[in-house]
Protein backbone atom coordinates (compact mmCIF):
# COMPACT_ATOMS: atom_id res chain seq x y z
CA MET A 1 -56.20 -20.35 43.27
CA SER A 2 -55.24 -18.73 39.96
CA ILE A 3 -53.59 -20.78 37.21
CA LYS A 4 -49.84 -20.29 36.89
CA VAL A 5 -48.82 -19.41 33.33
CA HIS A 6 -45.39 -18.50 32.01
CA PRO A 7 -45.24 -14.69 31.61
CA ASP A 8 -44.27 -15.06 27.95
CA ILE A 9 -47.59 -16.82 27.33
CA SER A 10 -49.72 -14.59 29.54
CA SER A 11 -48.37 -11.53 27.68
CA LEU A 12 -49.76 -12.76 24.37
CA LEU A 13 -53.12 -11.76 22.95
CA PRO A 14 -55.18 -14.31 20.99
CA TYR A 15 -55.09 -13.93 17.22
CA VAL A 16 -58.38 -12.43 16.03
CA PRO A 17 -59.35 -13.71 12.57
CA GLY A 18 -61.56 -11.84 10.13
CA LYS A 19 -65.23 -11.97 11.09
CA PRO A 20 -67.11 -14.77 9.26
CA VAL A 21 -69.88 -13.64 6.90
CA GLU A 22 -72.47 -15.73 8.70
CA GLU A 23 -71.62 -14.19 12.07
CA LEU A 24 -71.90 -10.63 10.73
CA GLU A 25 -75.24 -11.35 9.10
CA ARG A 26 -76.56 -12.84 12.33
CA GLU A 27 -75.25 -10.00 14.51
CA LEU A 28 -76.55 -7.15 12.38
CA GLY A 29 -79.55 -8.81 10.79
CA ILE A 30 -78.30 -8.17 7.27
CA ALA A 31 -78.07 -10.36 4.18
CA LYS A 32 -75.49 -10.84 1.45
CA ALA A 33 -72.50 -9.55 3.40
CA ILE A 34 -69.12 -9.81 1.66
CA LYS A 35 -65.79 -10.73 3.23
CA LEU A 36 -62.72 -8.87 2.02
CA ALA A 37 -60.69 -9.32 5.18
CA SER A 38 -58.53 -12.43 4.92
CA ASN A 39 -56.91 -12.31 1.46
CA GLU A 40 -58.80 -15.35 0.23
CA ASN A 41 -59.26 -16.15 -3.47
CA PRO A 42 -62.71 -14.76 -4.40
CA ARG A 43 -62.97 -17.25 -7.27
CA GLY A 44 -63.00 -20.10 -4.79
CA PRO A 45 -61.05 -23.36 -4.96
CA SER A 46 -59.87 -25.15 -8.06
CA PRO A 47 -62.62 -27.37 -9.52
CA LYS A 48 -60.00 -30.10 -9.77
CA ALA A 49 -59.41 -29.77 -6.03
CA VAL A 50 -63.14 -30.05 -5.30
CA SER A 51 -63.35 -33.21 -7.40
CA ALA A 52 -60.32 -34.67 -5.61
CA LEU A 53 -62.00 -34.00 -2.26
CA GLU A 54 -65.00 -36.08 -3.26
CA ASN A 55 -62.75 -39.04 -4.02
CA ALA A 56 -60.60 -38.58 -0.91
CA ALA A 57 -63.66 -38.51 1.35
CA ARG A 58 -64.11 -42.24 0.80
CA THR A 59 -60.99 -42.99 2.83
CA LEU A 60 -61.60 -40.71 5.81
CA HIS A 61 -61.48 -43.69 8.15
CA ARG A 62 -57.75 -44.03 7.38
CA TYR A 63 -54.95 -41.85 8.70
CA PRO A 64 -53.30 -39.66 6.08
CA ASP A 65 -49.92 -40.41 4.56
CA GLY A 66 -47.69 -38.97 7.28
CA GLY A 67 -44.90 -38.35 4.78
CA ALA A 68 -47.22 -36.87 2.12
CA HIS A 69 -45.26 -38.75 -0.53
CA LYS A 70 -47.33 -37.77 -3.59
CA LEU A 71 -47.61 -34.09 -2.75
CA ARG A 72 -43.99 -33.70 -1.71
CA SER A 73 -42.87 -35.48 -4.88
CA ALA A 74 -45.03 -33.21 -7.06
CA LEU A 75 -43.71 -30.10 -5.32
CA ALA A 76 -40.14 -31.37 -5.60
CA GLN A 77 -40.62 -31.87 -9.34
CA ARG A 78 -42.20 -28.41 -9.70
CA PHE A 79 -39.33 -26.63 -7.97
CA LYS A 80 -36.50 -28.92 -9.11
CA VAL A 81 -35.49 -29.97 -5.61
CA THR A 82 -35.65 -33.31 -3.80
CA ALA A 83 -38.48 -34.51 -1.59
CA ASP A 84 -36.08 -34.21 1.35
CA ASN A 85 -36.06 -30.45 0.75
CA LEU A 86 -39.79 -30.25 1.52
CA ILE A 87 -41.88 -30.20 4.66
CA LEU A 88 -45.65 -29.75 4.87
CA GLY A 89 -47.59 -27.87 7.50
CA ASN A 90 -51.14 -27.35 8.67
CA GLY A 91 -50.91 -24.04 6.86
CA SER A 92 -47.51 -22.35 6.66
CA ASP A 93 -48.40 -20.88 10.08
CA GLU A 94 -47.63 -24.25 11.66
CA LEU A 95 -44.18 -24.27 10.09
CA ILE A 96 -43.43 -20.89 11.69
CA GLY A 97 -44.25 -22.43 15.05
CA LEU A 98 -42.10 -25.48 14.33
CA LEU A 99 -39.18 -23.23 13.40
CA ALA A 100 -39.47 -21.29 16.65
CA ARG A 101 -39.74 -24.40 18.82
CA THR A 102 -36.92 -26.21 17.01
CA PHE A 103 -34.28 -23.49 16.79
CA LEU A 104 -34.94 -21.06 19.64
CA SER A 105 -33.69 -21.63 23.15
CA PRO A 106 -34.99 -19.29 25.88
CA GLY A 107 -33.47 -15.86 25.31
CA ASP A 108 -32.53 -16.49 21.68
CA GLU A 109 -33.51 -13.76 19.24
CA ALA A 110 -35.58 -13.61 16.06
CA VAL A 111 -35.39 -10.51 13.87
CA MET A 112 -38.53 -9.31 12.12
CA ALA A 113 -39.99 -6.12 10.67
CA SER A 114 -42.59 -3.96 12.31
CA HIS A 115 -45.98 -4.14 10.58
CA THR A 116 -45.45 -7.67 9.35
CA PHE A 117 -47.26 -10.97 9.91
CA VAL A 118 -48.25 -11.06 13.59
CA ILE A 119 -47.69 -14.82 13.93
CA TYR A 120 -43.90 -14.36 13.91
CA ARG A 121 -43.90 -12.41 17.15
CA MET A 122 -46.52 -14.71 18.67
CA GLU A 123 -44.63 -17.94 17.93
CA VAL A 124 -41.23 -16.55 18.93
CA THR A 125 -42.62 -15.32 22.24
CA ALA A 126 -44.43 -18.61 22.86
CA ALA A 127 -41.10 -20.41 22.36
CA HIS A 128 -39.58 -18.05 24.99
CA GLY A 129 -37.48 -16.31 22.38
CA VAL A 130 -36.96 -12.57 22.00
CA PRO A 131 -38.62 -10.80 19.04
CA VAL A 132 -36.28 -8.09 17.72
CA VAL A 133 -38.58 -5.72 15.82
CA VAL A 134 -37.00 -3.45 13.19
CA PRO A 135 -38.97 -0.42 11.95
CA MET A 136 -40.01 -0.38 8.30
CA GLN A 137 -39.04 2.28 5.78
CA ASP A 138 -41.95 3.41 3.58
CA TRP A 139 -43.86 0.28 4.60
CA ARG A 140 -41.03 -1.95 3.30
CA HIS A 141 -38.60 -4.18 5.18
CA ASP A 142 -35.44 -2.27 6.03
CA LEU A 143 -33.11 -5.16 5.28
CA PRO A 144 -29.86 -3.27 6.03
CA ALA A 145 -31.20 -2.37 9.48
CA MET A 146 -32.36 -5.96 10.00
CA ALA A 147 -28.87 -7.20 9.11
CA ARG A 148 -27.37 -4.79 11.64
CA SER A 149 -29.74 -6.19 14.29
CA ILE A 150 -28.25 -9.69 14.07
CA THR A 151 -26.27 -10.77 17.13
CA ASN A 152 -24.68 -14.02 18.21
CA ARG A 153 -28.08 -14.97 19.71
CA THR A 154 -30.07 -14.38 16.48
CA LYS A 155 -31.33 -17.77 15.35
CA LEU A 156 -34.16 -16.71 12.99
CA LEU A 157 -34.72 -13.75 10.67
CA PHE A 158 -38.15 -13.36 9.05
CA VAL A 159 -38.64 -11.73 5.65
CA CYS A 160 -42.29 -11.66 4.63
CA ASN A 161 -42.12 -11.06 0.89
CA PRO A 162 -44.46 -9.70 -0.34
CA ASN A 163 -45.28 -8.42 3.10
CA ASN A 164 -48.55 -8.88 4.93
CA PRO A 165 -50.27 -6.49 5.72
CA THR A 166 -48.54 -3.80 3.63
CA GLY A 167 -48.33 -5.63 0.27
CA THR A 168 -44.79 -4.35 -0.36
CA MET A 169 -41.81 -6.39 -1.53
CA VAL A 170 -38.04 -6.35 -1.34
CA THR A 171 -36.02 -6.96 -4.50
CA ALA A 172 -33.48 -9.55 -5.53
CA ALA A 173 -30.69 -7.02 -5.01
CA ASP A 174 -32.02 -6.17 -1.55
CA VAL A 175 -32.04 -9.83 -0.55
CA GLU A 176 -28.60 -10.56 -2.00
CA ALA A 177 -27.17 -7.71 0.06
CA LEU A 178 -28.90 -9.06 3.17
CA MET A 179 -27.63 -12.60 2.62
CA ALA A 180 -24.06 -11.32 2.33
CA HIS A 181 -24.31 -10.25 5.99
CA VAL A 182 -26.25 -13.17 7.50
CA PRO A 183 -24.02 -15.43 9.61
CA ASP A 184 -24.21 -19.19 9.48
CA HIS A 185 -25.98 -19.48 12.86
CA THR A 186 -29.05 -17.57 11.60
CA ILE A 187 -31.84 -19.16 9.54
CA VAL A 188 -33.55 -16.75 7.13
CA VAL A 189 -37.27 -17.43 6.75
CA PHE A 190 -38.63 -16.18 3.43
CA ASP A 191 -42.40 -16.19 3.90
CA GLU A 192 -43.84 -16.07 0.36
CA ALA A 193 -47.54 -16.75 0.89
CA TYR A 194 -48.41 -14.31 -1.92
CA TYR A 195 -45.65 -15.39 -4.29
CA GLU A 196 -48.02 -16.34 -7.12
CA TYR A 197 -49.52 -12.84 -7.25
CA VAL A 198 -46.21 -10.99 -7.71
CA ARG A 199 -45.88 -8.99 -10.94
CA ASP A 200 -42.53 -7.25 -10.38
CA PRO A 201 -39.65 -8.90 -12.33
CA ASP A 202 -37.22 -7.84 -9.57
CA PHE A 203 -38.77 -10.28 -7.09
CA PRO A 204 -35.99 -12.45 -5.65
CA ASP A 205 -35.43 -16.10 -6.49
CA SER A 206 -35.17 -17.20 -2.88
CA LEU A 207 -34.88 -20.87 -3.83
CA GLN A 208 -31.37 -20.20 -5.12
CA TYR A 209 -30.23 -19.92 -1.51
CA VAL A 210 -31.67 -23.36 -0.74
CA ASN A 211 -29.77 -24.71 -3.75
CA ARG A 212 -26.60 -23.06 -2.42
CA ASN A 213 -27.17 -24.93 0.87
CA ARG A 214 -27.61 -21.69 2.80
CA HIS A 215 -29.57 -21.79 6.05
CA VAL A 216 -32.87 -20.57 4.65
CA ILE A 217 -36.43 -21.84 4.39
CA VAL A 218 -38.99 -20.64 1.83
CA LEU A 219 -42.59 -20.84 3.05
CA ARG A 220 -45.50 -21.00 0.62
CA THR A 221 -49.14 -21.94 0.90
CA PHE A 222 -52.21 -23.32 -0.84
CA SER A 223 -54.43 -20.96 1.18
CA LYS A 224 -54.20 -17.90 -1.07
CA ILE A 225 -54.24 -18.11 -4.87
CA TYR A 226 -55.04 -21.84 -4.83
CA GLY A 227 -58.18 -21.17 -2.78
CA LEU A 228 -57.72 -23.90 -0.15
CA ALA A 229 -57.66 -21.75 2.99
CA GLY A 230 -60.28 -23.91 4.70
CA LEU A 231 -58.11 -27.02 4.39
CA ARG A 232 -55.00 -25.45 5.98
CA ILE A 233 -52.03 -26.69 4.02
CA GLY A 234 -48.70 -25.00 3.35
CA TYR A 235 -45.15 -26.09 2.72
CA GLY A 236 -41.55 -25.17 3.28
CA ILE A 237 -38.60 -25.63 0.92
CA THR A 238 -35.27 -25.82 2.72
CA THR A 239 -32.18 -27.94 3.22
CA PRO A 240 -32.49 -31.60 4.21
CA GLU A 241 -30.66 -30.76 7.43
CA ILE A 242 -33.37 -28.28 8.47
CA THR A 243 -36.26 -30.56 7.44
CA ASN A 244 -34.65 -33.34 9.46
CA TYR A 245 -34.76 -31.24 12.62
CA LEU A 246 -38.26 -29.89 11.97
CA ASN A 247 -39.60 -33.40 11.37
CA ARG A 248 -38.46 -34.40 14.87
CA ILE A 249 -41.23 -32.29 16.40
CA ARG A 250 -43.70 -32.15 13.50
CA PRO A 251 -46.94 -33.94 14.43
CA PRO A 252 -47.01 -37.19 12.43
CA PHE A 253 -50.30 -36.51 10.58
CA ASN A 254 -50.29 -32.72 10.47
CA ALA A 255 -51.25 -32.56 6.78
CA ASN A 256 -54.65 -34.22 6.60
CA SER A 257 -55.66 -36.50 3.74
CA LEU A 258 -58.26 -34.12 2.26
CA ALA A 259 -55.77 -31.25 2.22
CA GLN A 260 -53.11 -33.39 0.57
CA ALA A 261 -55.48 -34.60 -2.15
CA ALA A 262 -56.88 -31.14 -2.87
CA ALA A 263 -53.44 -29.51 -2.92
CA LEU A 264 -52.10 -32.12 -5.33
CA ALA A 265 -55.02 -31.49 -7.70
CA ALA A 266 -54.84 -27.71 -7.36
CA LEU A 267 -51.14 -27.76 -8.17
CA ASP A 268 -52.06 -29.25 -11.55
CA ASP A 269 -54.85 -26.75 -12.34
CA GLU A 270 -53.01 -24.13 -14.37
CA TYR A 271 -56.24 -22.64 -15.72
CA HIS A 272 -57.51 -21.82 -12.23
CA LEU A 273 -54.15 -20.31 -11.30
CA ARG A 274 -54.01 -18.12 -14.43
CA ALA A 275 -57.63 -17.01 -14.11
CA SER A 276 -57.16 -16.10 -10.45
CA ARG A 277 -54.03 -14.09 -11.22
CA SER A 278 -55.73 -12.40 -14.17
CA LEU A 279 -58.71 -11.36 -12.05
CA ASN A 280 -56.41 -9.79 -9.48
CA GLU A 281 -54.30 -8.01 -12.10
CA THR A 282 -57.47 -6.50 -13.58
CA GLU A 283 -59.26 -5.55 -10.39
CA LEU A 284 -56.41 -4.35 -8.15
CA PRO A 285 -55.64 -1.22 -10.21
CA LEU A 286 -59.36 -0.44 -10.43
CA VAL A 287 -59.64 -0.53 -6.63
CA GLU A 288 -56.47 1.57 -6.38
CA ASP A 289 -58.05 4.17 -8.67
CA GLY A 290 -61.27 4.04 -6.68
CA LEU A 291 -59.38 4.71 -3.44
CA ARG A 292 -57.51 7.62 -5.03
CA SER A 293 -60.83 9.12 -6.13
CA LEU A 294 -61.75 9.19 -2.43
CA GLY A 295 -58.54 11.02 -1.56
CA ILE A 296 -56.76 7.89 -0.33
CA GLN A 297 -53.31 6.86 -1.57
CA PRO A 298 -52.95 3.08 -1.13
CA VAL A 299 -49.54 1.51 -0.62
CA HIS A 300 -48.32 -0.11 -3.85
CA SER A 301 -49.05 -3.81 -3.59
CA GLN A 302 -47.64 -6.99 -5.12
CA THR A 303 -50.39 -9.09 -3.55
CA ASN A 304 -54.16 -9.57 -3.70
CA PHE A 305 -54.85 -6.86 -1.11
CA LEU A 306 -54.34 -3.15 -0.52
CA PHE A 307 -53.17 -1.35 2.61
CA PHE A 308 -54.21 2.25 3.10
CA ASN A 309 -54.63 5.14 5.51
CA VAL A 310 -58.18 6.47 5.89
CA GLY A 311 -56.98 9.64 7.64
CA ARG A 312 -59.11 9.09 10.73
CA ASP A 313 -59.93 6.43 13.31
CA GLY A 314 -59.71 3.26 11.26
CA ARG A 315 -61.83 1.36 13.75
CA GLU A 316 -64.74 3.71 13.17
CA VAL A 317 -64.44 3.25 9.41
CA PHE A 318 -64.17 -0.53 9.87
CA ASP A 319 -67.35 -0.55 11.98
CA ALA A 320 -69.19 1.63 9.45
CA LEU A 321 -68.25 -0.80 6.69
CA LEU A 322 -69.49 -3.71 8.80
CA ARG A 323 -72.88 -2.03 9.06
CA GLU A 324 -72.89 -1.90 5.25
CA GLY A 325 -72.19 -5.64 5.15
CA VAL A 326 -68.57 -5.25 4.03
CA ILE A 327 -65.89 -6.99 6.11
CA VAL A 328 -62.34 -5.61 5.80
CA ARG A 329 -59.39 -5.77 8.18
CA HIS A 330 -58.57 -2.95 10.57
CA ILE A 331 -54.82 -3.16 11.21
CA GLU A 332 -54.16 -0.32 13.65
CA GLY A 333 -54.83 3.41 13.97
CA PRO A 334 -55.96 4.75 10.58
CA MET A 335 -54.67 1.73 8.62
CA ILE A 336 -57.01 -0.72 6.88
CA ARG A 337 -56.37 -3.68 4.60
CA VAL A 338 -58.86 -4.84 1.97
CA THR A 339 -58.73 -8.00 -0.13
CA ILE A 340 -59.34 -7.70 -3.86
CA GLY A 341 -62.62 -9.48 -4.54
CA LEU A 342 -64.89 -10.10 -7.49
CA PRO A 343 -65.77 -7.03 -9.58
CA GLU A 344 -69.16 -6.52 -7.94
CA GLU A 345 -67.64 -6.95 -4.48
CA ASN A 346 -64.98 -4.33 -5.19
CA ARG A 347 -67.59 -1.84 -6.42
CA ARG A 348 -69.66 -2.45 -3.32
CA PHE A 349 -66.64 -1.92 -1.08
CA LEU A 350 -65.77 1.39 -2.71
CA ALA A 351 -69.37 2.63 -2.46
CA ALA A 352 -69.55 1.59 1.21
CA LEU A 353 -66.21 3.25 1.95
CA LYS A 354 -67.38 6.48 0.33
CA SER A 355 -70.52 6.38 2.47
CA ALA A 356 -68.43 5.76 5.61
CA LEU A 357 -66.04 8.62 4.84
CA ASP A 358 -68.88 11.04 4.05
CA ARG A 359 -70.40 10.67 7.51
């Protein structure tokens, strides 16, 4: 007898993460592979975070602080909000799932862009909601079209800014125009995982809408520039009303003790943050120039990755790069995303890509 599964769940495909370096080396019998697939910080974690982990390991027999008092207080001080405005997640991915389960009833809608973070559609569908997918314009969110897509059943609207996988952003003026048309029954989710990498002065101050008591939540993470992807910790800044509802279904110890300790230390490591941003600001334009020299025009990015069209079957190019020991991310069709790595990694990627395109 076959297992009975809700059709919303059976329609989903498992998320496929970037291939681990060790797995690629084992499969192909190669050494010194590099991973530029998951937008991780190539400099690694903050040394302060590593030191904090050593101290926190002594108390692993104890459950973590379920309220994450120290970390929430530090974040509240950083962003000039109260601790009640903050909720932690096992990565910001978990918070997306909590939002869907908390605010969507079966048949309720969630508006999102095409070519955005795949977890939105996955979590909305898993909560038996309806993903309303709005086409992008020039690889950017079409916020006016998203506003027009709102109905009386729209409970969530996702704005990934800067967007993953395209690297594009919407401006403060774009967002202000959107918010003028968002009704009170819709929560706007500003997913800002790459916030710390943004260079454009027109990037919106989304926290102002929290301070105005609008129904918004701003998601950020320690997985990217802070280099703590392996510990899975992110956070949301929103109204106390929304955190109150999310906390009703949040697992009591979802932010583990090691993650809390490392995040608290990383938050205080300004040198690591500046050095990581500086590396990206130096290397990203060099990779852009390298792609252009190969006849490829990458999409302008405000993140630590580039999204580009290889003009042929992207899967074939992806596989050719794997054989060179370079792991990138094939998105779909001819589109590939590459993380900005260390200087030697970026040079190796460009050389491998040239070899793949010359075949």
